[in-house]
Amino acid sequence: MASNRGQGGIQQLLAAEQEAQRIVNAARNEKMARLKQAKEEAEKEIAEYRAQVEYEFQKKLAESSGDSGANVKRLEQETESKIHHLKTEASRISQDVVSMLLKHVTTVKN
């Protein structure tokens, strides 16, 4: 009878070991499923964030492009105005400068 009890005890231990192994495997599978789900959720959040940042970047780029066109036009107008002013001043004083240069070049110093 002792061998029957020993045999029954071994069978119970084997059954308990198999049950424990089944529980561990189930827990491992649940953990893997949860990790996969968490990874998918993180990738979705990253994609949404990236799309939002890209949208904001494109919006700012469009705003600054519009401004740069206005800035270019304004700078061109200012440049033309300054060129016109310089030409006017040059023509106004050119005769005086020529006279002054001729005076200094033709003057003989002793």
PDB file of N, CA and C in Angstrom:
ATOM      1  N   MET A   1       0.799  -1.187   0.000  1.00  0.00           N
ATOM      2  CA  MET A   1       0.000   0.000   0.000  1.00  0.00           C
ATOM      3  C   MET A   1       0.845   1.254   0.000  1.00  0.00           C
ATOM      4  N   ALA A   2       1.979   1.138   0.584  1.00  0.00           N
ATOM      5  CA  ALA A   2       2.857   2.291   0.610  1.00  0.00           C
ATOM      6  C   ALA A   2       3.276   2.660  -0.799  1.00  0.00           C
ATOM      7  N   SER A   3       3.451   1.627  -1.639  1.00  0.00           N
ATOM      8  CA  SER A   3       3.844   1.933  -3.005  1.00  0.00           C
ATOM      9  C   SER A   3       2.684   2.567  -3.769  1.00  0.00           C
ATOM     10  N   ASN A   4       1.428   2.153  -3.418  1.00  0.00           N
ATOM     11  CA  ASN A   4       0.276   2.786  -4.060  1.00  0.00           C
ATOM     12  C   ASN A   4       0.152   4.245  -3.644  1.00  0.00           C
ATOM     13  N   ARG A   5       0.419   4.512  -2.389  1.00  0.00           N
ATOM     14  CA  ARG A   5       0.363   5.897  -1.921  1.00  0.00           C
ATOM     15  C   ARG A   5       1.482   6.709  -2.538  1.00  0.00           C
ATOM     16  N   GLY A   6       2.641   6.105  -2.650  1.00  0.00           N
ATOM     17  CA  GLY A   6       3.782   6.783  -3.268  1.00  0.00           C
ATOM     18  C   GLY A   6       3.509   7.057  -4.727  1.00  0.00           C
ATOM     19  N   GLN A   7       2.919   6.050  -5.387  1.00  0.00           N
ATOM     20  CA  GLN A   7       2.572   6.188  -6.808  1.00  0.00           C
ATOM     21  C   GLN A   7       1.520   7.285  -6.987  1.00  0.00           C
ATOM     22  N   GLY A   8       0.508   7.308  -6.112  1.00  0.00           N
ATOM     23  CA  GLY A   8      -0.544   8.321  -6.170  1.00  0.00           C
ATOM     24  C   GLY A   8       0.019   9.704  -5.896  1.00  0.00           C
ATOM     25  N   GLY A   9       0.974   9.786  -4.985  1.00  0.00           N
ATOM     26  CA  GLY A   9       1.604  11.072  -4.656  1.00  0.00           C
ATOM     27  C   GLY A   9       2.401  11.611  -5.842  1.00  0.00           C
ATOM     28  N   ILE A  10       3.073  10.673  -6.521  1.00  0.00           N
ATOM     29  CA  ILE A  10       3.853  11.077  -7.701  1.00  0.00           C
ATOM     30  C   ILE A  10       2.917  11.579  -8.791  1.00  0.00           C
ATOM     31  N   GLN A  11       1.811  10.872  -8.976  1.00  0.00           N
ATOM     32  CA  GLN A  11       0.832  11.292  -9.989  1.00  0.00           C
ATOM     33  C   GLN A  11       0.275  12.683  -9.654  1.00  0.00           C
ATOM     34  N   GLN A  12       0.022  12.910  -8.360  1.00  0.00           N
ATOM     35  CA  GLN A  12      -0.484  14.224  -7.945  1.00  0.00           C
ATOM     36  C   GLN A  12       0.573  15.304  -8.199  1.00  0.00           C
ATOM     37  N   LEU A  13       1.816  14.981  -7.908  1.00  0.00           N
ATOM     38  CA  LEU A  13       2.894  15.950  -8.159  1.00  0.00           C
ATOM     39  C   LEU A  13       3.027  16.261  -9.653  1.00  0.00           C
ATOM     40  N   LEU A  14       2.949  15.225 -10.477  1.00  0.00           N
ATOM     41  CA  LEU A  14       3.044  15.428 -11.924  1.00  0.00           C
ATOM     42  C   LEU A  14       1.872  16.271 -12.425  1.00  0.00           C
ATOM     43  N   ALA A  15       0.673  15.982 -11.908  1.00  0.00           N
ATOM     44  CA  ALA A  15      -0.507  16.749 -12.314  1.00  0.00           C
ATOM     45  C   ALA A  15      -0.365  18.195 -11.856  1.00  0.00           C
ATOM     46  N   ALA A  16       0.130  18.404 -10.635  1.00  0.00           N
ATOM     47  CA  ALA A  16       0.315  19.768 -10.123  1.00  0.00           C
ATOM     48  C   ALA A  16       1.374  20.495 -10.940  1.00  0.00           C
ATOM     49  N   GLU A  17       2.438  19.794 -11.339  1.00  0.00           N
ATOM     50  CA  GLU A  17       3.496  20.404 -12.152  1.00  0.00           C
ATOM     51  C   GLU A  17       2.949  20.800 -13.524  1.00  0.00           C
ATOM     52  N   GLN A  18       2.142  19.918 -14.104  1.00  0.00           N
ATOM     53  CA  GLN A  18       1.544  20.232 -15.405  1.00  0.00           C
ATOM     54  C   GLN A  18       0.603  21.425 -15.293  1.00  0.00           C
ATOM     55  N   GLU A  19      -0.182  21.463 -14.233  1.00  0.00           N
ATOM     56  CA  GLU A  19      -1.095  22.589 -14.015  1.00  0.00           C
ATOM     57  C   GLU A  19      -0.308  23.890 -13.836  1.00  0.00           C
ATOM     58  N   ALA A  20       0.781  23.816 -13.069  1.00  0.00           N
ATOM     59  CA  ALA A  20       1.617  24.997 -12.863  1.00  0.00           C
ATOM     60  C   ALA A  20       2.228  25.457 -14.192  1.00  0.00           C
ATOM     61  N   GLN A  21       2.677  24.506 -14.988  1.00  0.00           N
ATOM     62  CA  GLN A  21       3.255  24.832 -16.296  1.00  0.00           C
ATOM     63  C   GLN A  21       2.194  25.489 -17.198  1.00  0.00           C
ATOM     64  N   ARG A  22       0.968  24.973 -17.147  1.00  0.00           N
ATOM     65  CA  ARG A  22      -0.121  25.544 -17.933  1.00  0.00           C
ATOM     66  C   ARG A  22      -0.395  26.974 -17.488  1.00  0.00           C
ATOM     67  N   ILE A  23      -0.406  27.216 -16.172  1.00  0.00           N
ATOM     68  CA  ILE A  23      -0.652  28.554 -15.631  1.00  0.00           C
ATOM     69  C   ILE A  23       0.472  29.510 -16.054  1.00  0.00           C
ATOM     70  N   VAL A  24       1.717  29.048 -15.982  1.00  0.00           N
ATOM     71  CA  VAL A  24       2.866  29.877 -16.375  1.00  0.00           C
ATOM     72  C   VAL A  24       2.786  30.205 -17.863  1.00  0.00           C
ATOM     73  N   ASN A  25       2.472  29.212 -18.679  1.00  0.00           N
ATOM     74  CA  ASN A  25       2.355  29.447 -20.124  1.00  0.00           C
ATOM     75  C   ASN A  25       1.230  30.433 -20.440  1.00  0.00           C
ATOM     76  N   ALA A  26       0.104  30.280 -19.747  1.00  0.00           N
ATOM     77  CA  ALA A  26      -1.014  31.200 -19.969  1.00  0.00           C
ATOM     78  C   ALA A  26      -0.621  32.618 -19.576  1.00  0.00           C
ATOM     79  N   ALA A  27       0.077  32.760 -18.457  1.00  0.00           N
ATOM     80  CA  ALA A  27       0.523  34.080 -18.004  1.00  0.00           C
ATOM     81  C   ALA A  27       1.522  34.672 -18.999  1.00  0.00           C
ATOM     82  N   ARG A  28       2.433  33.838 -19.498  1.00  0.00           N
ATOM     83  CA  ARG A  28       3.417  34.300 -20.475  1.00  0.00           C
ATOM     84  C   ARG A  28       2.718  34.767 -21.760  1.00  0.00           C
ATOM     85  N   ASN A  29       1.730  34.000 -22.209  1.00  0.00           N
ATOM     86  CA  ASN A  29       0.990  34.380 -23.416  1.00  0.00           C
ATOM     87  C   ASN A  29       0.217  35.688 -23.211  1.00  0.00           C
ATOM     88  N   GLU A  30      -0.398  35.830 -22.036  1.00  0.00           N
ATOM     89  CA  GLU A  30      -1.108  37.073 -21.734  1.00  0.00           C
ATOM     90  C   GLU A  30      -0.144  38.258 -21.702  1.00  0.00           C
ATOM     91  N   LYS A  31       1.034  38.040 -21.132  1.00  0.00           N
ATOM     92  CA  LYS A  31       2.038  39.096 -21.064  1.00  0.00           C
ATOM     93  C   LYS A  31       2.484  39.498 -22.473  1.00  0.00           C
ATOM     94  N   MET A  32       2.720  38.522 -23.328  1.00  0.00           N
ATOM     95  CA  MET A  32       3.135  38.805 -24.705  1.00  0.00           C
ATOM     96  C   MET A  32       2.029  39.550 -25.462  1.00  0.00           C
ATOM     97  N   ALA A  33       0.785  39.138 -25.246  1.00  0.00           N
ATOM     98  CA  ALA A  33      -0.342  39.802 -25.908  1.00  0.00           C
ATOM     99  C   ALA A  33      -0.441  41.252 -25.436  1.00  0.00           C
ATOM    100  N   ARG A  34      -0.269  41.462 -24.141  1.00  0.00           N
ATOM    101  CA  ARG A  34      -0.348  42.827 -23.589  1.00  0.00           C
ATOM    102  C   ARG A  34       0.805  43.682 -24.116  1.00  0.00           C
ATOM    103  N   LEU A  35       2.016  43.118 -24.204  1.00  0.00           N
ATOM    104  CA  LEU A  35       3.151  43.869 -24.747  1.00  0.00           C
ATOM    105  C   LEU A  35       2.910  44.252 -26.208  1.00  0.00           C
ATOM    106  N   LYS A  36       2.330  43.325 -26.972  1.00  0.00           N
ATOM    107  CA  LYS A  36       2.031  43.603 -28.374  1.00  0.00           C
ATOM    108  C   LYS A  36       0.991  44.722 -28.476  1.00  0.00           C
ATOM    109  N   GLN A  37      -0.035  44.647 -27.625  1.00  0.00           N
ATOM    110  CA  GLN A  37      -1.074  45.674 -27.619  1.00  0.00           C
ATOM    111  C   GLN A  37      -0.479  47.030 -27.231  1.00  0.00           C
ATOM    112  N   ALA A  38       0.388  47.039 -26.215  1.00  0.00           N
ATOM    113  CA  ALA A  38       1.009  48.294 -25.774  1.00  0.00           C
ATOM    114  C   ALA A  38       1.874  48.880 -26.887  1.00  0.00           C
ATOM    115  N   LYS A  39       2.595  48.025 -27.605  1.00  0.00           N
ATOM    116  CA  LYS A  39       3.427  48.490 -28.712  1.00  0.00           C
ATOM    117  C   LYS A  39       2.562  49.117 -29.809  1.00  0.00           C
ATOM    118  N   GLU A  40       1.451  48.474 -30.137  1.00  0.00           N
ATOM    119  CA  GLU A  40       0.553  49.001 -31.163  1.00  0.00           C
ATOM    120  C   GLU A  40      -0.040  50.346 -30.738  1.00  0.00           C
ATOM    121  N   GLU A  41      -0.423  50.444 -29.456  1.00  0.00           N
ATOM    122  CA  GLU A  41      -0.967  51.708 -28.951  1.00  0.00           C
ATOM    123  C   GLU A  41       0.086  52.812 -29.009  1.00  0.00           C
ATOM    124  N   ALA A  42       1.320  52.470 -28.632  1.00  0.00           N
ATOM    125  CA  ALA A  42       2.400  53.463 -28.660  1.00  0.00           C
ATOM    126  C   ALA A  42       2.674  53.915 -30.092  1.00  0.00           C
ATOM    127  N   GLU A  43       2.689  52.987 -31.037  1.00  0.00           N
ATOM    128  CA  GLU A  43       2.923  53.341 -32.439  1.00  0.00           C
ATOM    129  C   GLU A  43       1.805  54.241 -32.966  1.00  0.00           C
ATOM    130  N   LYS A  44       0.575  53.968 -32.533  1.00  0.00           N
ATOM    131  CA  LYS A  44      -0.552  54.800 -32.955  1.00  0.00           C
ATOM    132  C   LYS A  44      -0.399  56.219 -32.397  1.00  0.00           C
ATOM    133  N   GLU A  45      -0.031  56.330 -31.110  1.00  0.00           N
ATOM    134  CA  GLU A  45       0.165  57.645 -30.504  1.00  0.00           C
ATOM    135  C   GLU A  45       1.298  58.394 -31.181  1.00  0.00           C
ATOM    136  N   ILE A  46       2.367  57.680 -31.510  1.00  0.00           N
ATOM    137  CA  ILE A  46       3.507  58.307 -32.189  1.00  0.00           C
ATOM    138  C   ILE A  46       3.071  58.830 -33.555  1.00  0.00           C
ATOM    139  N   ALA A  47       2.315  58.032 -34.289  1.00  0.00           N
ATOM    140  CA  ALA A  47       1.844  58.457 -35.614  1.00  0.00           C
ATOM    141  C   ALA A  47       0.949  59.686 -35.506  1.00  0.00           C
ATOM    142  N   GLU A  48       0.062  59.712 -34.519  1.00  0.00           N
ATOM    143  CA  GLU A  48      -0.813  60.872 -34.327  1.00  0.00           C
ATOM    144  C   GLU A  48      -0.006  62.116 -33.972  1.00  0.00           C
ATOM    145  N   TYR A  49       0.969  61.953 -33.074  1.00  0.00           N
ATOM    146  CA  TYR A  49       1.806  63.080 -32.672  1.00  0.00           C
ATOM    147  C   TYR A  49       2.622  63.590 -33.861  1.00  0.00           C
ATOM    148  N   ARG A  50       3.193  62.666 -34.619  1.00  0.00           N
ATOM    149  CA  ARG A  50       3.986  63.050 -35.784  1.00  0.00           C
ATOM    150  C   ARG A  50       3.119  63.812 -36.794  1.00  0.00           C
ATOM    151  N   ALA A  51       1.892  63.343 -37.007  1.00  0.00           N
ATOM    152  CA  ALA A  51       0.977  64.015 -37.941  1.00  0.00           C
ATOM    153  C   ALA A  51       0.647  65.418 -37.439  1.00  0.00           C
ATOM    154  N   GLN A  52       0.439  65.557 -36.143  1.00  0.00           N
ATOM    155  CA  GLN A  52       0.117  66.871 -35.568  1.00  0.00           C
ATOM    156  C   GLN A  52       1.297  67.829 -35.723  1.00  0.00           C
ATOM    157  N   VAL A  53       2.501  67.355 -35.414  1.00  0.00           N
ATOM    158  CA  VAL A  53       3.688  68.199 -35.530  1.00  0.00           C
ATOM    159  C   VAL A  53       3.925  68.580 -36.993  1.00  0.00           C
ATOM    160  N   GLU A  54       3.746  67.636 -37.896  1.00  0.00           N
ATOM    161  CA  GLU A  54       3.921  67.910 -39.330  1.00  0.00           C
ATOM    162  C   GLU A  54       2.907  68.955 -39.800  1.00  0.00           C
ATOM    163  N   TYR A  55       1.659  68.836 -39.338  1.00  0.00           N
ATOM    164  CA  TYR A  55       0.614  69.809 -39.691  1.00  0.00           C
ATOM    165  C   TYR A  55       1.002  71.204 -39.212  1.00  0.00           C
ATOM    166  N   GLU A  56       1.440  71.301 -37.957  1.00  0.00           N
ATOM    167  CA  GLU A  56       1.834  72.593 -37.408  1.00  0.00           C
ATOM    168  C   GLU A  56       3.023  73.171 -38.164  1.00  0.00           C
ATOM    169  N   PHE A  57       3.980  72.301 -38.518  1.00  0.00           N
ATOM    170  CA  PHE A  57       5.148  72.747 -39.272  1.00  0.00           C
ATOM    171  C   PHE A  57       4.733  73.290 -40.639  1.00  0.00           C
ATOM    172  N   GLN A  58       3.876  72.549 -41.338  1.00  0.00           N
ATOM    173  CA  GLN A  58       3.425  72.986 -42.656  1.00  0.00           C
ATOM    174  C   GLN A  58       2.639  74.301 -42.554  1.00  0.00           C
ATOM    175  N   LYS A  59       1.851  74.432 -41.487  1.00  0.00           N
ATOM    176  CA  LYS A  59       1.075  75.659 -41.279  1.00  0.00           C
ATOM    177  C   LYS A  59       2.012  76.846 -41.083  1.00  0.00           C
ATOM    178  N   LYS A  60       3.026  76.687 -40.231  1.00  0.00           N
ATOM    179  CA  LYS A  60       3.979  77.769 -40.000  1.00  0.00           C
ATOM    180  C   LYS A  60       4.785  78.068 -41.258  1.00  0.00           C
ATOM    181  N   LEU A  61       5.119  77.034 -41.996  1.00  0.00           N
ATOM    182  CA  LEU A  61       5.864  77.212 -43.233  1.00  0.00           C
ATOM    183  C   LEU A  61       5.043  78.016 -44.231  1.00  0.00           C
ATOM    184  N   ALA A  62       3.757  77.701 -44.326  1.00  0.00           N
ATOM    185  CA  ALA A  62       2.875  78.432 -45.239  1.00  0.00           C
ATOM    186  C   ALA A  62       2.740  79.891 -44.799  1.00  0.00           C
ATOM    187  N   GLU A  63       2.610  80.107 -43.493  1.00  0.00           N
ATOM    188  CA  GLU A  63       2.490  81.475 -42.980  1.00  0.00           C
ATOM    189  C   GLU A  63       3.748  82.278 -43.260  1.00  0.00           C
ATOM    190  N   SER A  64       4.912  81.658 -43.017  1.00  0.00           N
ATOM    191  CA  SER A  64       6.163  82.390 -43.221  1.00  0.00           C
ATOM    192  C   SER A  64       6.446  82.591 -44.702  1.00  0.00           C
ATOM    193  N   SER A  65       6.000  81.685 -45.550  1.00  0.00           N
ATOM    194  CA  SER A  65       6.197  81.861 -46.995  1.00  0.00           C
ATOM    195  C   SER A  65       5.417  83.058 -47.489  1.00  0.00           C
ATOM    196  N   GLY A  66       4.202  83.211 -47.011  1.00  0.00           N
ATOM    197  CA  GLY A  66       3.399  84.364 -47.389  1.00  0.00           C
ATOM    198  C   GLY A  66       4.055  85.648 -46.939  1.00  0.00           C
ATOM    199  N   ASP A  67       4.600  85.631 -45.746  1.00  0.00           N
ATOM    200  CA  ASP A  67       5.281  86.810 -45.226  1.00  0.00           C
ATOM    201  C   ASP A  67       6.536  87.108 -46.023  1.00  0.00           C
ATOM    202  N   SER A  68       7.257  86.082 -46.431  1.00  0.00           N
ATOM    203  CA  SER A  68       8.505  86.322 -47.148  1.00  0.00           C
ATOM    204  C   SER A  68       8.215  86.948 -48.505  1.00  0.00           C
ATOM    205  N   GLY A  69       7.107  86.591 -49.135  1.00  0.00           N
ATOM    206  CA  GLY A  69       6.744  87.227 -50.396  1.00  0.00           C
ATOM    207  C   GLY A  69       6.485  88.709 -50.201  1.00  0.00           C
ATOM    208  N   ALA A  70       5.794  89.050 -49.137  1.00  0.00           N
ATOM    209  CA  ALA A  70       5.534  90.455 -48.828  1.00  0.00           C
ATOM    210  C   ALA A  70       6.835  91.166 -48.470  1.00  0.00           C
ATOM    211  N   ASN A  71       7.704  90.467 -47.736  1.00  0.00           N
ATOM    212  CA  ASN A  71       8.988  91.055 -47.363  1.00  0.00           C
ATOM    213  C   ASN A  71       9.851  91.301 -48.589  1.00  0.00           C
ATOM    214  N   VAL A  72       9.856  90.377 -49.522  1.00  0.00           N
ATOM    215  CA  VAL A  72      10.646  90.544 -50.739  1.00  0.00           C
ATOM    216  C   VAL A  72      10.154  91.753 -51.518  1.00  0.00           C
ATOM    217  N   LYS A  73       8.857  91.872 -51.636  1.00  0.00           N
ATOM    218  CA  LYS A  73       8.284  93.014 -52.363  1.00  0.00           C
ATOM    219  C   LYS A  73       8.642  94.327 -51.665  1.00  0.00           C
ATOM    220  N   ARG A  74       8.524  94.344 -50.352  1.00  0.00           N
ATOM    221  CA  ARG A  74       8.857  95.549 -49.586  1.00  0.00           C
ATOM    222  C   ARG A  74      10.336  95.897 -49.751  1.00  0.00           C
ATOM    223  N   LEU A  75      11.212  94.881 -49.687  1.00  0.00           N
ATOM    224  CA  LEU A  75      12.647  95.120 -49.840  1.00  0.00           C
ATOM    225  C   LEU A  75      12.972  95.620 -51.244  1.00  0.00           C
ATOM    226  N   GLU A  76      12.315  95.083 -52.248  1.00  0.00           N
ATOM    227  CA  GLU A  76      12.546  95.554 -53.611  1.00  0.00           C
ATOM    228  C   GLU A  76      12.153  97.023 -53.756  1.00  0.00           C
ATOM    229  N   GLN A  77      11.022  97.401 -53.165  1.00  0.00           N
ATOM    230  CA  GLN A  77      10.581  98.792 -53.228  1.00  0.00           C
ATOM    231  C   GLN A  77      11.565  99.712 -52.508  1.00  0.00           C
ATOM    232  N   GLU A  78      12.031  99.268 -51.329  1.00  0.00           N
ATOM    233  CA  GLU A  78      12.993 100.085 -50.585  1.00  0.00           C
ATOM    234  C   GLU A  78      14.296 100.225 -51.367  1.00  0.00           C
ATOM    235  N   THR A  79      14.729  99.148 -51.987  1.00  0.00           N
ATOM    236  CA  THR A  79      15.970  99.178 -52.759  1.00  0.00           C
ATOM    237  C   THR A  79      15.841 100.125 -53.944  1.00  0.00           C
ATOM    238  N   GLU A  80      14.743 100.044 -54.672  1.00  0.00           N
ATOM    239  CA  GLU A  80      14.514 100.941 -55.806  1.00  0.00           C
ATOM    240  C   GLU A  80      14.485 102.393 -55.355  1.00  0.00           C
ATOM    241  N   SER A  81      13.855 102.643 -54.227  1.00  0.00           N
ATOM    242  CA  SER A  81      13.779 104.000 -53.692  1.00  0.00           C
ATOM    243  C   SER A  81      15.173 104.521 -53.351  1.00  0.00           C
ATOM    244  N   LYS A  82      15.986 103.703 -52.716  1.00  0.00           N
ATOM    245  CA  LYS A  82      17.344 104.125 -52.349  1.00  0.00           C
ATOM    246  C   LYS A  82      18.207 104.344 -53.590  1.00  0.00           C
ATOM    247  N   ILE A  83      18.066 103.462 -54.581  1.00  0.00           N
ATOM    248  CA  ILE A  83      18.827 103.634 -55.827  1.00  0.00           C
ATOM    249  C   ILE A  83      18.441 104.953 -56.494  1.00  0.00           C
ATOM    250  N   HIS A  84      17.160 105.219 -56.561  1.00  0.00           N
ATOM    251  CA  HIS A  84      16.685 106.471 -57.162  1.00  0.00           C
ATOM    252  C   HIS A  84      17.247 107.677 -56.405  1.00  0.00           C
ATOM    253  N   HIS A  85      17.222 107.610 -55.077  1.00  0.00           N
ATOM    254  CA  HIS A  85      17.746 108.701 -54.247  1.00  0.00           C
ATOM    255  C   HIS A  85      19.240 108.905 -54.513  1.00  0.00           C
ATOM    256  N   LEU A  86      20.013 107.800 -54.577  1.00  0.00           N
ATOM    257  CA  LEU A  86      21.453 107.915 -54.815  1.00  0.00           C
ATOM    258  C   LEU A  86      21.739 108.499 -56.201  1.00  0.00           C
ATOM    259  N   LYS A  87      20.981 108.081 -57.199  1.00  0.00           N
ATOM    260  CA  LYS A  87      21.182 108.628 -58.549  1.00  0.00           C
ATOM    261  C   LYS A  87      20.870 110.116 -58.575  1.00  0.00           C
ATOM    262  N   THR A  88      19.818 110.514 -57.906  1.00  0.00           N
ATOM    263  CA  THR A  88      19.444 111.933 -57.851  1.00  0.00           C
ATOM    264  C   THR A  88      20.539 112.751 -57.181  1.00  0.00           C
ATOM    265  N   GLU A  89      21.029 112.260 -56.056  1.00  0.00           N
ATOM    266  CA  GLU A  89      22.093 112.960 -55.327  1.00  0.00           C
ATOM    267  C   GLU A  89      23.373 113.009 -56.144  1.00  0.00           C
ATOM    268  N   ALA A  90      23.695 111.906 -56.833  1.00  0.00           N
ATOM    269  CA  ALA A  90      24.909 111.874 -57.642  1.00  0.00           C
ATOM    270  C   ALA A  90      24.833 112.883 -58.779  1.00  0.00           C
ATOM    271  N   SER A  91      23.699 112.948 -59.443  1.00  0.00           N
ATOM    272  CA  SER A  91      23.574 113.910 -60.539  1.00  0.00           C
ATOM    273  C   SER A  91      23.574 115.342 -60.011  1.00  0.00           C
ATOM    274  N   ARG A  92      23.054 115.539 -58.807  1.00  0.00           N
ATOM    275  CA  ARG A  92      23.001 116.881 -58.226  1.00  0.00           C
ATOM    276  C   ARG A  92      24.389 117.395 -57.874  1.00  0.00           C
ATOM    277  N   ILE A  93      25.245 116.534 -57.352  1.00  0.00           N
ATOM    278  CA  ILE A  93      26.556 117.011 -56.887  1.00  0.00           C
ATOM    279  C   ILE A  93      27.698 116.659 -57.839  1.00  0.00           C
ATOM    280  N   SER A  94      27.425 115.967 -58.920  1.00  0.00           N
ATOM    281  CA  SER A  94      28.517 115.544 -59.799  1.00  0.00           C
ATOM    282  C   SER A  94      29.279 116.729 -60.385  1.00  0.00           C
ATOM    283  N   GLN A  95      28.600 117.778 -60.761  1.00  0.00           N
ATOM    284  CA  GLN A  95      29.280 118.947 -61.339  1.00  0.00           C
ATOM    285  C   GLN A  95      30.199 119.591 -60.305  1.00  0.00           C
ATOM    286  N   ASP A  96      29.736 119.662 -59.056  1.00  0.00           N
ATOM    287  CA  ASP A  96      30.578 120.231 -57.996  1.00  0.00           C
ATOM    288  C   ASP A  96      31.807 119.369 -57.758  1.00  0.00           C
ATOM    289  N   VAL A  97      31.657 118.064 -57.781  1.00  0.00           N
ATOM    290  CA  VAL A  97      32.777 117.152 -57.549  1.00  0.00           C
ATOM    291  C   VAL A  97      33.778 117.282 -58.691  1.00  0.00           C
ATOM    292  N   VAL A  98      33.292 117.354 -59.932  1.00  0.00           N
ATOM    293  CA  VAL A  98      34.187 117.495 -61.081  1.00  0.00           C
ATOM    294  C   VAL A  98      34.950 118.811 -60.985  1.00  0.00           C
ATOM    295  N   SER A  99      34.275 119.866 -60.635  1.00  0.00           N
ATOM    296  CA  SER A  99      34.935 121.170 -60.500  1.00  0.00           C
ATOM    297  C   SER A  99      36.003 121.122 -59.410  1.00  0.00           C
ATOM    298  N   MET A 100      35.674 120.514 -58.285  1.00  0.00           N
ATOM    299  CA  MET A 100      36.620 120.432 -57.173  1.00  0.00           C
ATOM    300  C   MET A 100      37.835 119.608 -57.573  1.00  0.00           C
ATOM    301  N   LEU A 101      37.635 118.501 -58.280  1.00  0.00           N
ATOM    302  CA  LEU A 101      38.756 117.675 -58.717  1.00  0.00           C
ATOM    303  C   LEU A 101      39.636 118.429 -59.720  1.00  0.00           C
ATOM    304  N   LEU A 102      39.006 119.097 -60.644  1.00  0.00           N
ATOM    305  CA  LEU A 102      39.785 119.866 -61.619  1.00  0.00           C
ATOM    306  C   LEU A 102      40.584 120.967 -60.933  1.00  0.00           C
ATOM    307  N   LYS A 103      39.993 121.596 -59.957  1.00  0.00           N
ATOM    308  CA  LYS A 103      40.695 122.660 -59.223  1.00  0.00           C
ATOM    309  C   LYS A 103      41.927 122.114 -58.531  1.00  0.00           C
ATOM    310  N   HIS A 104      41.800 120.953 -57.890  1.00  0.00           N
ATOM    311  CA  HIS A 104      42.926 120.376 -57.156  1.00  0.00           C
ATOM    312  C   HIS A 104      43.981 119.822 -58.101  1.00  0.00           C
ATOM    313  N   VAL A 105      43.561 119.319 -59.234  1.00  0.00           N
ATOM    314  CA  VAL A 105      44.523 118.735 -60.176  1.00  0.00           C
ATOM    315  C   VAL A 105      45.277 119.839 -60.920  1.00  0.00           C
ATOM    316  N   THR A 106      44.614 120.908 -61.244  1.00  0.00           N
ATOM    317  CA  THR A 106      45.246 121.953 -62.040  1.00  0.00           C
ATOM    318  C   THR A 106      45.968 123.006 -61.192  1.00  0.00           C
ATOM    319  N   THR A 107      45.798 122.988 -59.908  1.00  0.00           N
ATOM    320  CA  THR A 107      46.438 123.946 -59.040  1.00  0.00           C
ATOM    321  C   THR A 107      47.898 123.538 -58.857  1.00  0.00           C
ATOM    322  N   VAL A 108      48.805 124.480 -59.076  1.00  0.00           N
ATOM    323  CA  VAL A 108      50.222 124.220 -58.923  1.00  0.00           C
ATOM    324  C   VAL A 108      50.630 124.777 -57.562  1.00  0.00           C
ATOM    325  N   LYS A 109      51.259 123.948 -56.813  1.00  0.00           N
ATOM    326  CA  LYS A 109      51.731 124.399 -55.514  1.00  0.00           C
ATOM    327  C   LYS A 109      53.234 124.620 -55.619  1.00  0.00           C
ATOM    328  N   ASN A 110      53.668 125.661 -54.994  1.00  0.00           N
ATOM    329  CA  ASN A 110      55.112 125.991 -55.024  1.00  0.00           C
ATOM    330  C   ASN A 110      55.800 125.453 -53.838  1.00  0.00           C
TER     331      ASN A 110
END
